[in-house]
Amino acid sequence: MRRRASILIACAFASGAIATEASSQRTGSRIGKTAGVGDGRDALRLIADCVVGKRPNLTAQWLDVSPGSTQEGKLLDANNALFSDCMTSDRLVLDGMELKFKRSMLRRPIAASAIRLRLRGKPTPPLPKVTAPWYESHALMVSAGSGVDSNALALQAFGHCVALARWDSSVALLKSQIDSREETAALAQIIPALGPCLPAKETIKVRRDMIRDILAEPAYHLLTAANGQGSTNAHS
């Protein structure tokens, strides 16, 4: 499904629906220092790991609704306290600074955390036979006023294509540690598939460190469908 002629991925701190002030004693953050604006992606990953660890059912519910939809908004509103709680974790040292970001920016890091947990310690699963994008199986229609983020779905369509084209490498990337040799090797196999997965005359601006998050949710849904855990929620 072709949507926007150009996609720009942004994952940095921005004004948004969650804001909290926290100060805690450093006990060992994976960021390795007090979180600042330049550490946005690392901070989001820590928060995502917390959400997935505390509420796996919420994770499944969130990824089962369309990005930007009314249903997604209601789900996030109902669980706002959890996000705030995960932002005050002693693994994320804010040192009294205010941290603001859009809740929707957690969706891709949460998908990455969820699929990493699912794949941990397991051999690479075979390429799923279910190859249709998850949202198309729900007969999702993007229409004016629906609230559904067509840009996010276009990005998922792109990631879905890449995941199918480089399945083993995509799984290896999602299982790998950031900045590891395994990550570098997986990216070397994946990057050649990026161009062919773009519809004609479309462009996308992607940094290497974004590819993991782009592939995470499409791969999560492919595995979910392959395991017979397909969703039944309506999308609105």
C-alpha atoms as a PDB file:
ATOM      1  CA  MET A   1       0.000   0.000   0.000  1.00  0.00           C
ATOM      2  CA  ARG A   2       1.624   3.261  -1.099  1.00  0.00           C
ATOM      3  CA  ARG A   3       1.027   6.331   0.993  1.00  0.00           C
ATOM      4  CA  ARG A   4       3.469   9.156   1.459  1.00  0.00           C
ATOM      5  CA  ALA A   5       6.113  10.139  -1.070  1.00  0.00           C
ATOM      6  CA  SER A   6       8.680  10.758   1.619  1.00  0.00           C
ATOM      7  CA  ILE A   7       9.159   9.424   5.133  1.00  0.00           C
ATOM      8  CA  LEU A   8      11.350  11.040   7.740  1.00  0.00           C
ATOM      9  CA  ILE A   9      11.976   8.999  10.849  1.00  0.00           C
ATOM     10  CA  ALA A  10      12.539  11.013  14.006  1.00  0.00           C
ATOM     11  CA  CYS A  11      13.244   9.522  17.402  1.00  0.00           C
ATOM     12  CA  ALA A  12      14.383  12.256  19.740  1.00  0.00           C
ATOM     13  CA  PHE A  13      12.955  14.155  22.654  1.00  0.00           C
ATOM     14  CA  ALA A  14      10.017  16.375  21.736  1.00  0.00           C
ATOM     15  CA  SER A  15       7.054  18.035  23.352  1.00  0.00           C
ATOM     16  CA  GLY A  16       4.475  15.386  24.009  1.00  0.00           C
ATOM     17  CA  ALA A  17       1.983  13.747  26.271  1.00  0.00           C
ATOM     18  CA  ILE A  18       4.327  12.486  28.981  1.00  0.00           C
ATOM     19  CA  ALA A  19       6.442  14.726  31.152  1.00  0.00           C
ATOM     20  CA  THR A  20       7.995  13.880  34.459  1.00  0.00           C
ATOM     21  CA  GLU A  21      10.666  15.136  36.790  1.00  0.00           C
ATOM     22  CA  ALA A  22      12.782  12.561  38.530  1.00  0.00           C
ATOM     23  CA  SER A  23      15.923  12.452  40.596  1.00  0.00           C
ATOM     24  CA  SER A  24      17.498   9.211  41.732  1.00  0.00           C
ATOM     25  CA  GLN A  25      20.753   7.770  42.966  1.00  0.00           C
ATOM     26  CA  ARG A  26      22.724   6.280  40.113  1.00  0.00           C
ATOM     27  CA  THR A  27      22.859   2.510  40.500  1.00  0.00           C
ATOM     28  CA  GLY A  28      24.127   1.589  37.069  1.00  0.00           C
ATOM     29  CA  SER A  29      22.320   2.745  33.954  1.00  0.00           C
ATOM     30  CA  ARG A  30      22.956   1.155  30.578  1.00  0.00           C
ATOM     31  CA  ILE A  31      23.290   4.710  29.321  1.00  0.00           C
ATOM     32  CA  GLY A  32      26.338   4.995  31.551  1.00  0.00           C
ATOM     33  CA  LYS A  33      25.725   8.600  32.522  1.00  0.00           C
ATOM     34  CA  THR A  34      22.955  10.961  33.481  1.00  0.00           C
ATOM     35  CA  ALA A  35      20.457  11.024  30.626  1.00  0.00           C
ATOM     36  CA  GLY A  36      20.497  14.138  28.485  1.00  0.00           C
ATOM     37  CA  VAL A  37      18.882  15.284  25.261  1.00  0.00           C
ATOM     38  CA  GLY A  38      21.518  13.503  23.196  1.00  0.00           C
ATOM     39  CA  ASP A  39      20.657  10.214  24.870  1.00  0.00           C
ATOM     40  CA  GLY A  40      17.027  10.162  23.753  1.00  0.00           C
ATOM     41  CA  ARG A  41      17.063   6.807  21.997  1.00  0.00           C
ATOM     42  CA  ASP A  42      18.864   5.086  24.872  1.00  0.00           C
ATOM     43  CA  ALA A  43      16.411   6.545  27.380  1.00  0.00           C
ATOM     44  CA  LEU A  44      13.430   5.386  25.327  1.00  0.00           C
ATOM     45  CA  ARG A  45      14.879   1.874  25.144  1.00  0.00           C
ATOM     46  CA  LEU A  46      15.257   1.741  28.921  1.00  0.00           C
ATOM     47  CA  ILE A  47      11.672   2.885  29.409  1.00  0.00           C
ATOM     48  CA  ALA A  48      10.471   0.382  26.794  1.00  0.00           C
ATOM     49  CA  ASP A  49      12.301  -2.476  28.535  1.00  0.00           C
ATOM     50  CA  CYS A  50      10.586  -1.476  31.776  1.00  0.00           C
ATOM     51  CA  VAL A  51       7.107  -1.413  30.204  1.00  0.00           C
ATOM     52  CA  VAL A  52       7.596  -4.778  28.480  1.00  0.00           C
ATOM     53  CA  GLY A  53       8.965  -6.349  31.647  1.00  0.00           C
ATOM     54  CA  LYS A  54       6.186  -5.080  33.891  1.00  0.00           C
ATOM     55  CA  ARG A  55       3.225  -5.356  31.546  1.00  0.00           C
ATOM     56  CA  PRO A  56       3.664  -7.882  28.718  1.00  0.00           C
ATOM     57  CA  ASN A  57      -0.100  -7.989  28.193  1.00  0.00           C
ATOM     58  CA  LEU A  58      -0.195  -4.232  27.678  1.00  0.00           C
ATOM     59  CA  THR A  59       2.618  -4.580  25.166  1.00  0.00           C
ATOM     60  CA  ALA A  60       0.592  -7.083  23.143  1.00  0.00           C
ATOM     61  CA  GLN A  61      -2.525  -4.901  23.342  1.00  0.00           C
ATOM     62  CA  TRP A  62      -0.651  -1.820  22.198  1.00  0.00           C
ATOM     63  CA  LEU A  63       0.975  -3.495  19.213  1.00  0.00           C
ATOM     64  CA  ASP A  64      -2.417  -4.932  18.293  1.00  0.00           C
ATOM     65  CA  VAL A  65      -3.972  -1.531  17.599  1.00  0.00           C
ATOM     66  CA  SER A  66      -3.231   0.835  14.756  1.00  0.00           C
ATOM     67  CA  PRO A  67      -0.698   3.598  15.393  1.00  0.00           C
ATOM     68  CA  GLY A  68      -2.371   6.952  15.903  1.00  0.00           C
ATOM     69  CA  SER A  69      -5.830   5.424  16.257  1.00  0.00           C
ATOM     70  CA  THR A  70      -8.445   6.423  18.802  1.00  0.00           C
ATOM     71  CA  GLN A  71      -8.097   2.994  20.367  1.00  0.00           C
ATOM     72  CA  GLU A  72      -4.364   3.466  20.820  1.00  0.00           C
ATOM     73  CA  GLY A  73      -4.925   6.823  22.480  1.00  0.00           C
ATOM     74  CA  LYS A  74      -7.438   5.382  24.935  1.00  0.00           C
ATOM     75  CA  LEU A  75      -5.119   2.504  25.791  1.00  0.00           C
ATOM     76  CA  LEU A  76      -2.200   4.819  26.476  1.00  0.00           C
ATOM     77  CA  ASP A  77      -4.342   7.202  28.520  1.00  0.00           C
ATOM     78  CA  ALA A  78      -5.472   4.317  30.708  1.00  0.00           C
ATOM     79  CA  ASN A  79      -1.872   3.307  31.392  1.00  0.00           C
ATOM     80  CA  ASN A  80      -0.188   6.682  31.706  1.00  0.00           C
ATOM     81  CA  ALA A  81       0.865   5.960  35.296  1.00  0.00           C
ATOM     82  CA  LEU A  82       2.911   2.972  34.135  1.00  0.00           C
ATOM     83  CA  PHE A  83       4.907   5.089  31.708  1.00  0.00           C
ATOM     84  CA  SER A  84       5.587   7.667  34.393  1.00  0.00           C
ATOM     85  CA  ASP A  85       6.649   4.902  36.787  1.00  0.00           C
ATOM     86  CA  CYS A  86       9.087   3.483  34.244  1.00  0.00           C
ATOM     87  CA  MET A  87      10.566   6.936  33.737  1.00  0.00           C
ATOM     88  CA  THR A  88      11.545   7.086  37.411  1.00  0.00           C
ATOM     89  CA  SER A  89      13.414   3.767  37.329  1.00  0.00           C
ATOM     90  CA  ASP A  90      16.791   3.800  39.071  1.00  0.00           C
ATOM     91  CA  ARG A  91      18.257   2.555  35.786  1.00  0.00           C
ATOM     92  CA  LEU A  92      17.345   5.860  34.144  1.00  0.00           C
ATOM     93  CA  VAL A  93      19.063   8.727  35.948  1.00  0.00           C
ATOM     94  CA  LEU A  94      17.433  12.055  35.133  1.00  0.00           C
ATOM     95  CA  ASP A  95      19.045  14.117  37.911  1.00  0.00           C
ATOM     96  CA  GLY A  96      16.083  16.457  38.269  1.00  0.00           C
ATOM     97  CA  MET A  97      15.789  17.294  34.574  1.00  0.00           C
ATOM     98  CA  GLU A  98      12.419  17.234  32.866  1.00  0.00           C
ATOM     99  CA  LEU A  99      12.036  14.552  30.244  1.00  0.00           C
ATOM    100  CA  LYS A 100       9.377  15.087  27.594  1.00  0.00           C
ATOM    101  CA  PHE A 101       8.448  12.935  24.629  1.00  0.00           C
ATOM    102  CA  LYS A 102       5.429  11.747  22.724  1.00  0.00           C
ATOM    103  CA  ARG A 103       4.068   8.463  24.016  1.00  0.00           C
ATOM    104  CA  SER A 104       3.805   7.178  20.462  1.00  0.00           C
ATOM    105  CA  MET A 105       7.597   7.346  20.229  1.00  0.00           C
ATOM    106  CA  LEU A 106       7.761   4.379  22.599  1.00  0.00           C
ATOM    107  CA  ARG A 107       5.922   2.074  20.202  1.00  0.00           C
ATOM    108  CA  ARG A 108       8.916   1.014  18.104  1.00  0.00           C
ATOM    109  CA  PRO A 109      11.318   0.607  21.077  1.00  0.00           C
ATOM    110  CA  ILE A 110       8.652  -1.451  22.861  1.00  0.00           C
ATOM    111  CA  ALA A 111       8.276  -3.695  19.810  1.00  0.00           C
ATOM    112  CA  ALA A 112      12.067  -4.111  19.695  1.00  0.00           C
ATOM    113  CA  SER A 113      12.180  -4.999  23.387  1.00  0.00           C
ATOM    114  CA  ALA A 114       9.269  -7.443  23.065  1.00  0.00           C
ATOM    115  CA  ILE A 115      10.690  -9.353  20.118  1.00  0.00           C
ATOM    116  CA  ARG A 116      14.178  -9.433  21.636  1.00  0.00           C
ATOM    117  CA  LEU A 117      12.673 -11.054  24.719  1.00  0.00           C
ATOM    118  CA  ARG A 118      10.771 -13.542  22.553  1.00  0.00           C
ATOM    119  CA  LEU A 119      13.873 -14.500  20.568  1.00  0.00           C
ATOM    120  CA  ARG A 120      16.334 -14.599  23.459  1.00  0.00           C
ATOM    121  CA  GLY A 121      18.244 -17.867  23.673  1.00  0.00           C
ATOM    122  CA  LYS A 122      16.316 -19.430  20.803  1.00  0.00           C
ATOM    123  CA  PRO A 123      17.441 -20.464  17.321  1.00  0.00           C
ATOM    124  CA  THR A 124      16.368 -18.376  14.367  1.00  0.00           C
ATOM    125  CA  PRO A 125      12.734 -19.254  13.587  1.00  0.00           C
ATOM    126  CA  PRO A 126      11.879 -20.146   9.991  1.00  0.00           C
ATOM    127  CA  LEU A 127      10.480 -17.483   7.715  1.00  0.00           C
ATOM    128  CA  PRO A 128       6.759 -17.238   8.554  1.00  0.00           C
ATOM    129  CA  LYS A 129       4.371 -18.450   5.872  1.00  0.00           C
ATOM    130  CA  VAL A 130       1.992 -15.607   6.738  1.00  0.00           C
ATOM    131  CA  THR A 131       3.416 -12.789   4.654  1.00  0.00           C
ATOM    132  CA  ALA A 132       0.635 -10.169   4.582  1.00  0.00           C
ATOM    133  CA  PRO A 133       1.178  -7.093   6.784  1.00  0.00           C
ATOM    134  CA  TRP A 134      -0.718  -7.439  10.067  1.00  0.00           C
ATOM    135  CA  TYR A 135      -2.859  -4.350   9.545  1.00  0.00           C
ATOM    136  CA  GLU A 136      -4.073  -5.524   6.138  1.00  0.00           C
ATOM    137  CA  SER A 137      -5.369  -8.734   7.726  1.00  0.00           C
ATOM    138  CA  HIS A 138      -7.623  -6.521   9.821  1.00  0.00           C
ATOM    139  CA  ALA A 139      -9.045  -4.869   6.697  1.00  0.00           C
ATOM    140  CA  LEU A 140      -7.674  -1.592   8.012  1.00  0.00           C
ATOM    141  CA  MET A 141      -8.809   1.415   6.026  1.00  0.00           C
ATOM    142  CA  VAL A 142      -6.945   4.667   6.458  1.00  0.00           C
ATOM    143  CA  SER A 143      -9.387   7.490   5.871  1.00  0.00           C
ATOM    144  CA  ALA A 144      -9.526  11.188   6.593  1.00  0.00           C
ATOM    145  CA  GLY A 145     -10.344  11.809  10.213  1.00  0.00           C
ATOM    146  CA  SER A 146      -9.608   8.227  11.305  1.00  0.00           C
ATOM    147  CA  GLY A 147      -6.630   9.349  13.326  1.00  0.00           C
ATOM    148  CA  VAL A 148      -4.572   6.419  12.057  1.00  0.00           C
ATOM    149  CA  ASP A 149      -0.989   7.443  11.331  1.00  0.00           C
ATOM    150  CA  SER A 150      -0.580   6.593   7.652  1.00  0.00           C
ATOM    151  CA  ASN A 151       3.070   7.625   7.805  1.00  0.00           C
ATOM    152  CA  ALA A 152       3.719   5.062  10.551  1.00  0.00           C
ATOM    153  CA  LEU A 153       1.939   2.376   8.528  1.00  0.00           C
ATOM    154  CA  ALA A 154       3.981   3.233   5.445  1.00  0.00           C
ATOM    155  CA  LEU A 155       7.103   2.788   7.548  1.00  0.00           C
ATOM    156  CA  GLN A 156       5.794  -0.566   8.768  1.00  0.00           C
ATOM    157  CA  ALA A 157       5.134  -1.647   5.180  1.00  0.00           C
ATOM    158  CA  PHE A 158       8.744  -0.791   4.391  1.00  0.00           C
ATOM    159  CA  GLY A 159      10.031  -2.717   7.410  1.00  0.00           C
ATOM    160  CA  HIS A 160       7.764  -5.648   6.573  1.00  0.00           C
ATOM    161  CA  CYS A 161       9.257  -5.907   3.092  1.00  0.00           C
ATOM    162  CA  VAL A 162      12.818  -5.741   4.418  1.00  0.00           C
ATOM    163  CA  ALA A 163      12.112  -8.346   7.112  1.00  0.00           C
ATOM    164  CA  LEU A 164      10.763 -10.790   4.518  1.00  0.00           C
ATOM    165  CA  ALA A 165      13.646 -10.125   2.136  1.00  0.00           C
ATOM    166  CA  ARG A 166      16.314 -10.598   4.823  1.00  0.00           C
ATOM    167  CA  TRP A 167      14.579 -12.685   7.478  1.00  0.00           C
ATOM    168  CA  ASP A 168      17.574 -14.423   9.040  1.00  0.00           C
ATOM    169  CA  SER A 169      19.578 -11.200   9.128  1.00  0.00           C
ATOM    170  CA  SER A 170      16.618  -9.272  10.535  1.00  0.00           C
ATOM    171  CA  VAL A 171      16.254 -11.798  13.357  1.00  0.00           C
ATOM    172  CA  ALA A 172      20.003 -11.650  13.988  1.00  0.00           C
ATOM    173  CA  LEU A 173      19.822  -7.865  14.228  1.00  0.00           C
ATOM    174  CA  LEU A 174      16.867  -7.925  16.609  1.00  0.00           C
ATOM    175  CA  LYS A 175      18.645 -10.467  18.841  1.00  0.00           C
ATOM    176  CA  SER A 176      21.972  -8.626  18.822  1.00  0.00           C
ATOM    177  CA  GLN A 177      23.331  -6.153  21.316  1.00  0.00           C
ATOM    178  CA  ILE A 178      23.643  -2.543  20.174  1.00  0.00           C
ATOM    179  CA  ASP A 179      27.094  -1.717  18.743  1.00  0.00           C
ATOM    180  CA  SER A 180      28.081  -5.394  18.723  1.00  0.00           C
ATOM    181  CA  ARG A 181      29.831  -7.332  15.975  1.00  0.00           C
ATOM    182  CA  GLU A 182      26.632  -9.286  15.450  1.00  0.00           C
ATOM    183  CA  GLU A 183      24.732  -6.066  14.831  1.00  0.00           C
ATOM    184  CA  THR A 184      27.327  -4.870  12.319  1.00  0.00           C
ATOM    185  CA  ALA A 185      27.253  -8.187  10.449  1.00  0.00           C
ATOM    186  CA  ALA A 186      23.448  -8.239  10.325  1.00  0.00           C
ATOM    187  CA  LEU A 187      23.235  -4.659   9.066  1.00  0.00           C
ATOM    188  CA  ALA A 188      25.697  -5.444   6.284  1.00  0.00           C
ATOM    189  CA  GLN A 189      23.239  -8.061   5.000  1.00  0.00           C
ATOM    190  CA  ILE A 190      20.114  -5.948   5.517  1.00  0.00           C
ATOM    191  CA  ILE A 191      21.140  -2.606   4.027  1.00  0.00           C
ATOM    192  CA  PRO A 192      21.184  -3.831   0.377  1.00  0.00           C
ATOM    193  CA  ALA A 193      17.491  -4.752   0.747  1.00  0.00           C
ATOM    194  CA  LEU A 194      16.395  -1.266   1.781  1.00  0.00           C
ATOM    195  CA  GLY A 195      16.314   0.268  -1.695  1.00  0.00           C
ATOM    196  CA  PRO A 196      14.339  -2.511  -3.424  1.00  0.00           C
ATOM    197  CA  CYS A 197      11.681  -2.314  -0.699  1.00  0.00           C
ATOM    198  CA  LEU A 198      10.833   1.289  -1.522  1.00  0.00           C
ATOM    199  CA  PRO A 199       8.037   1.874  -4.039  1.00  0.00           C
ATOM    200  CA  ALA A 200       9.101   3.750  -7.157  1.00  0.00           C
ATOM    201  CA  LYS A 201       9.883   7.443  -6.696  1.00  0.00           C
ATOM    202  CA  GLU A 202       9.684   7.247  -2.902  1.00  0.00           C
ATOM    203  CA  THR A 203      12.511   8.178  -0.581  1.00  0.00           C
ATOM    204  CA  ILE A 204      13.256   7.479   3.043  1.00  0.00           C
ATOM    205  CA  LYS A 205      15.881   8.929   5.338  1.00  0.00           C
ATOM    206  CA  VAL A 206      17.237   6.255   7.638  1.00  0.00           C
ATOM    207  CA  ARG A 207      20.220   6.141   9.941  1.00  0.00           C
ATOM    208  CA  ARG A 208      21.834   2.785  10.624  1.00  0.00           C
ATOM    209  CA  ASP A 209      20.793   2.920  14.265  1.00  0.00           C
ATOM    210  CA  MET A 210      17.126   3.240  13.238  1.00  0.00           C
ATOM    211  CA  ILE A 211      16.952   0.016  11.231  1.00  0.00           C
ATOM    212  CA  ARG A 212      16.448  -2.149  14.318  1.00  0.00           C
ATOM    213  CA  ASP A 213      13.331  -0.212  15.339  1.00  0.00           C
ATOM    214  CA  ILE A 214      11.985  -0.180  11.776  1.00  0.00           C
ATOM    215  CA  LEU A 215      12.136  -3.982  11.581  1.00  0.00           C
ATOM    216  CA  ALA A 216      10.968  -4.718  15.121  1.00  0.00           C
ATOM    217  CA  GLU A 217       7.193  -4.398  14.865  1.00  0.00           C
ATOM    218  CA  PRO A 218       6.824  -6.010  11.416  1.00  0.00           C
ATOM    219  CA  ALA A 219       8.925  -8.974  12.613  1.00  0.00           C
ATOM    220  CA  TYR A 220       6.939  -9.127  15.863  1.00  0.00           C
ATOM    221  CA  HIS A 221       3.673  -9.392  13.940  1.00  0.00           C
ATOM    222  CA  LEU A 222       5.051 -11.964  11.492  1.00  0.00           C
ATOM    223  CA  LEU A 223       6.077 -14.210  14.382  1.00  0.00           C
ATOM    224  CA  THR A 224       2.793 -13.619  16.197  1.00  0.00           C
ATOM    225  CA  ALA A 225       0.795 -14.627  13.119  1.00  0.00           C
ATOM    226  CA  ALA A 226       3.029 -17.644  12.521  1.00  0.00           C
ATOM    227  CA  ASN A 227       2.429 -18.800  16.097  1.00  0.00           C
ATOM    228  CA  GLY A 228      -1.329 -18.536  15.683  1.00  0.00           C
ATOM    229  CA  GLN A 229      -1.584 -15.599  18.058  1.00  0.00           C
ATOM    230  CA  GLY A 230      -3.143 -13.207  15.601  1.00  0.00           C
ATOM    231  CA  SER A 231      -5.086 -10.319  17.035  1.00  0.00           C
ATOM    232  CA  THR A 232      -8.800  -9.767  16.992  1.00  0.00           C
ATOM    233  CA  ASN A 233      -9.053  -6.159  18.107  1.00  0.00           C
ATOM    234  CA  ALA A 234     -10.925  -3.678  15.958  1.00  0.00           C
ATOM    235  CA  HIS A 235      -8.997  -0.672  14.735  1.00  0.00           C
ATOM    236  CA  SER A 236     -10.352   2.817  14.854  1.00  0.00           C
END
